[in-house]
Amino acid sequence: MTLKDRNKLVVTGVKQIKKLDSELAILDTTAGLLSVMGKNLVIDDFIDQNKIIISGTIDKLAYNMIKLSLIKKILK
C-alpha cells in the first residue's frame, strides 16, 4: 500500500470492493478488510482485479477486525 500526498492511494492484494462512495471505501484485501475514509473518493484504476488506485482527500486508513455483516448493519 502506498499513499502519496494524502490524495492518491495504491493498494495491492485487493480481492473485492465491498463499498464505495465519496467518503468511504471498504476493500476486501488479502490482509483483511481495509476502510479508506475521506472526501471525494473515486477509483482511478482497478488493475487485474488485484491492484486499485483511489484518489481524493484521504483522511484515514484502517484495517477492520469486525465482520462485514456487522459493517453492513451499521451502514444501513
N, C-alpha and C. Protein backbone atom coordinates (compact mmCIF):
# COMPACT_ATOMS: atom_id res chain seq x y z
N MET A 1 0.86 -1.16 0.00
CA MET A 1 0.00 0.00 0.00
C MET A 1 0.91 1.23 0.00
N THR A 2 0.54 2.20 -0.86
CA THR A 2 1.30 3.44 -0.96
C THR A 2 0.33 4.62 -0.96
N LEU A 3 0.61 5.61 -0.13
CA LEU A 3 -0.20 6.82 -0.07
C LEU A 3 0.69 8.00 -0.45
N LYS A 4 0.28 8.76 -1.48
CA LYS A 4 1.04 9.91 -1.93
C LYS A 4 0.28 11.19 -1.63
N ASP A 5 0.89 12.06 -0.83
CA ASP A 5 0.34 13.38 -0.53
C ASP A 5 -1.10 13.36 -0.04
N ARG A 6 -1.50 12.29 0.61
CA ARG A 6 -2.88 12.13 1.13
C ARG A 6 -3.95 12.26 0.06
N ASN A 7 -3.58 12.13 -1.23
CA ASN A 7 -4.62 12.25 -2.26
C ASN A 7 -4.57 11.15 -3.31
N LYS A 8 -3.63 10.21 -3.19
CA LYS A 8 -3.59 9.09 -4.13
C LYS A 8 -3.11 7.85 -3.38
N LEU A 9 -3.98 6.84 -3.36
CA LEU A 9 -3.70 5.61 -2.64
C LEU A 9 -3.63 4.45 -3.62
N VAL A 10 -2.57 3.67 -3.52
CA VAL A 10 -2.42 2.46 -4.33
C VAL A 10 -2.42 1.27 -3.38
N VAL A 11 -3.34 0.34 -3.59
CA VAL A 11 -3.46 -0.83 -2.73
C VAL A 11 -3.36 -2.08 -3.60
N THR A 12 -2.50 -3.01 -3.21
CA THR A 12 -2.40 -4.29 -3.91
C THR A 12 -3.05 -5.37 -3.05
N GLY A 13 -3.31 -6.50 -3.66
CA GLY A 13 -3.94 -7.61 -2.94
C GLY A 13 -5.43 -7.42 -2.75
N VAL A 14 -6.05 -6.60 -3.58
CA VAL A 14 -7.49 -6.35 -3.46
C VAL A 14 -8.26 -7.50 -4.09
N LYS A 15 -9.13 -8.12 -3.29
CA LYS A 15 -9.97 -9.20 -3.80
C LYS A 15 -11.32 -8.69 -4.28
N GLN A 16 -11.86 -7.69 -3.58
CA GLN A 16 -13.20 -7.20 -3.93
C GLN A 16 -13.42 -5.81 -3.31
N ILE A 17 -14.19 -4.98 -4.01
CA ILE A 17 -14.63 -3.71 -3.47
C ILE A 17 -15.98 -3.96 -2.82
N LYS A 18 -16.06 -3.82 -1.50
CA LYS A 18 -17.30 -4.09 -0.78
C LYS A 18 -18.22 -2.88 -0.77
N LYS A 19 -17.65 -1.68 -0.69
CA LYS A 19 -18.44 -0.45 -0.66
C LYS A 19 -17.57 0.68 -1.19
N LEU A 20 -18.22 1.57 -1.93
CA LEU A 20 -17.51 2.76 -2.39
C LEU A 20 -18.50 3.89 -2.55
N ASP A 21 -18.25 4.99 -1.85
CA ASP A 21 -18.95 6.24 -2.11
C ASP A 21 -17.93 7.35 -1.94
N SER A 22 -18.36 8.58 -1.98
CA SER A 22 -17.41 9.70 -1.98
C SER A 22 -16.67 9.89 -0.66
N GLU A 23 -17.14 9.22 0.42
CA GLU A 23 -16.50 9.39 1.72
C GLU A 23 -15.95 8.11 2.34
N LEU A 24 -16.28 6.95 1.76
CA LEU A 24 -15.85 5.68 2.35
C LEU A 24 -15.67 4.62 1.27
N ALA A 25 -14.54 3.93 1.35
CA ALA A 25 -14.32 2.74 0.52
C ALA A 25 -13.96 1.60 1.47
N ILE A 26 -14.60 0.45 1.28
CA ILE A 26 -14.26 -0.74 2.04
C ILE A 26 -13.78 -1.78 1.05
N LEU A 27 -12.53 -2.19 1.22
CA LEU A 27 -11.90 -3.13 0.30
C LEU A 27 -11.60 -4.43 1.02
N ASP A 28 -11.94 -5.54 0.40
CA ASP A 28 -11.58 -6.85 0.91
C ASP A 28 -10.22 -7.18 0.31
N THR A 29 -9.18 -7.22 1.15
CA THR A 29 -7.82 -7.46 0.67
C THR A 29 -7.29 -8.77 1.24
N THR A 30 -6.15 -9.18 0.75
CA THR A 30 -5.53 -10.39 1.27
C THR A 30 -5.10 -10.24 2.72
N ALA A 31 -5.00 -8.99 3.20
CA ALA A 31 -4.63 -8.72 4.60
C ALA A 31 -5.84 -8.44 5.48
N GLY A 32 -7.05 -8.49 4.91
CA GLY A 32 -8.27 -8.23 5.67
C GLY A 32 -9.04 -7.06 5.07
N LEU A 33 -10.13 -6.67 5.74
CA LEU A 33 -10.94 -5.55 5.26
C LEU A 33 -10.24 -4.23 5.56
N LEU A 34 -10.11 -3.41 4.53
CA LEU A 34 -9.47 -2.10 4.66
C LEU A 34 -10.50 -1.02 4.42
N SER A 35 -10.63 -0.10 5.38
CA SER A 35 -11.51 1.05 5.22
C SER A 35 -10.66 2.26 4.86
N VAL A 36 -11.11 2.97 3.83
CA VAL A 36 -10.47 4.21 3.40
C VAL A 36 -11.52 5.30 3.59
N MET A 37 -11.21 6.28 4.43
CA MET A 37 -12.16 7.35 4.71
C MET A 37 -11.58 8.68 4.24
N GLY A 38 -12.46 9.53 3.68
CA GLY A 38 -12.01 10.83 3.21
C GLY A 38 -13.11 11.58 2.51
N LYS A 39 -12.73 12.38 1.53
CA LYS A 39 -13.68 13.18 0.78
C LYS A 39 -13.39 13.05 -0.71
N ASN A 40 -14.45 13.06 -1.51
CA ASN A 40 -14.33 12.99 -2.98
C ASN A 40 -13.54 11.76 -3.45
N LEU A 41 -13.76 10.63 -2.80
CA LEU A 41 -13.05 9.40 -3.16
C LEU A 41 -13.59 8.84 -4.46
N VAL A 42 -12.69 8.50 -5.37
CA VAL A 42 -13.05 7.86 -6.64
C VAL A 42 -11.99 6.82 -6.97
N ILE A 43 -12.40 5.81 -7.73
CA ILE A 43 -11.45 4.81 -8.21
C ILE A 43 -10.87 5.32 -9.52
N ASP A 44 -9.55 5.49 -9.55
CA ASP A 44 -8.88 5.89 -10.78
C ASP A 44 -8.60 4.68 -11.66
N ASP A 45 -8.28 3.55 -11.03
CA ASP A 45 -7.95 2.36 -11.82
C ASP A 45 -8.11 1.12 -10.94
N PHE A 46 -8.54 0.03 -11.55
CA PHE A 46 -8.63 -1.26 -10.88
C PHE A 46 -7.95 -2.25 -11.82
N ILE A 47 -6.68 -2.53 -11.54
CA ILE A 47 -5.82 -3.28 -12.44
C ILE A 47 -5.84 -4.76 -12.09
N ASP A 48 -6.17 -5.59 -13.06
CA ASP A 48 -6.13 -7.05 -12.90
C ASP A 48 -6.90 -7.54 -11.68
N GLN A 49 -7.87 -6.81 -11.23
CA GLN A 49 -8.66 -7.16 -10.05
C GLN A 49 -7.75 -7.51 -8.88
N ASN A 50 -6.62 -6.84 -8.77
CA ASN A 50 -5.69 -7.08 -7.69
C ASN A 50 -5.12 -5.77 -7.14
N LYS A 51 -4.98 -4.78 -7.99
CA LYS A 51 -4.40 -3.50 -7.61
C LYS A 51 -5.40 -2.39 -7.90
N ILE A 52 -5.63 -1.52 -6.91
CA ILE A 52 -6.60 -0.45 -7.06
C ILE A 52 -5.91 0.89 -6.75
N ILE A 53 -6.32 1.92 -7.50
CA ILE A 53 -5.83 3.27 -7.26
C ILE A 53 -7.04 4.13 -6.93
N ILE A 54 -7.01 4.76 -5.74
CA ILE A 54 -8.10 5.62 -5.28
C ILE A 54 -7.54 7.03 -5.11
N SER A 55 -8.29 8.00 -5.62
CA SER A 55 -7.88 9.39 -5.44
C SER A 55 -8.97 10.15 -4.69
N GLY A 56 -8.60 11.29 -4.14
CA GLY A 56 -9.47 12.13 -3.34
C GLY A 56 -8.68 12.57 -2.11
N THR A 57 -9.32 13.20 -1.17
CA THR A 57 -8.66 13.58 0.08
C THR A 57 -8.80 12.42 1.05
N ILE A 58 -7.69 11.77 1.35
CA ILE A 58 -7.72 10.58 2.20
C ILE A 58 -7.37 10.98 3.63
N ASP A 59 -8.33 10.78 4.53
CA ASP A 59 -8.18 11.20 5.92
C ASP A 59 -7.75 10.07 6.84
N LYS A 60 -8.20 8.85 6.55
CA LYS A 60 -7.93 7.75 7.47
C LYS A 60 -7.93 6.42 6.74
N LEU A 61 -7.01 5.54 7.15
CA LEU A 61 -6.94 4.17 6.67
C LEU A 61 -7.00 3.26 7.89
N ALA A 62 -7.79 2.20 7.81
CA ALA A 62 -7.88 1.29 8.96
C ALA A 62 -8.24 -0.10 8.48
N TYR A 63 -7.55 -1.09 9.04
CA TYR A 63 -7.95 -2.47 8.82
C TYR A 63 -8.99 -2.82 9.85
N ASN A 64 -10.08 -3.43 9.41
CA ASN A 64 -11.21 -3.77 10.28
C ASN A 64 -11.06 -5.16 10.84
N MET A 65 -11.32 -5.28 12.11
CA MET A 65 -11.29 -6.59 12.76
C MET A 65 -12.70 -7.13 12.98
N ILE A 66 -13.72 -6.36 12.60
CA ILE A 66 -15.09 -6.83 12.76
C ILE A 66 -15.57 -7.45 11.46
N LYS A 67 -16.57 -8.26 11.54
CA LYS A 67 -17.08 -8.96 10.37
C LYS A 67 -17.85 -8.03 9.46
N LEU A 68 -17.83 -8.32 8.17
CA LEU A 68 -18.50 -7.49 7.17
C LEU A 68 -20.00 -7.42 7.42
N SER A 69 -20.60 -8.50 7.94
CA SER A 69 -22.06 -8.47 8.19
C SER A 69 -22.41 -7.40 9.21
N LEU A 70 -21.56 -7.17 10.19
CA LEU A 70 -21.79 -6.11 11.17
C LEU A 70 -21.64 -4.74 10.52
N ILE A 71 -20.67 -4.58 9.64
CA ILE A 71 -20.48 -3.32 8.91
C ILE A 71 -21.72 -3.02 8.07
N LYS A 72 -22.27 -4.03 7.40
CA LYS A 72 -23.47 -3.83 6.59
C LYS A 72 -24.63 -3.34 7.44
N LYS A 73 -24.78 -3.89 8.64
CA LYS A 73 -25.86 -3.46 9.53
C LYS A 73 -25.66 -2.01 9.96
N ILE A 74 -24.44 -1.63 10.23
CA ILE A 74 -24.13 -0.26 10.65
C ILE A 74 -24.41 0.72 9.53
N LEU A 75 -24.08 0.37 8.29
CA LEU A 75 -24.20 1.28 7.16
C LEU A 75 -25.63 1.44 6.67
N LYS A 76 -26.55 0.58 7.10
CA LYS A 76 -27.94 0.68 6.63
C LYS A 76 -28.67 1.80 7.30
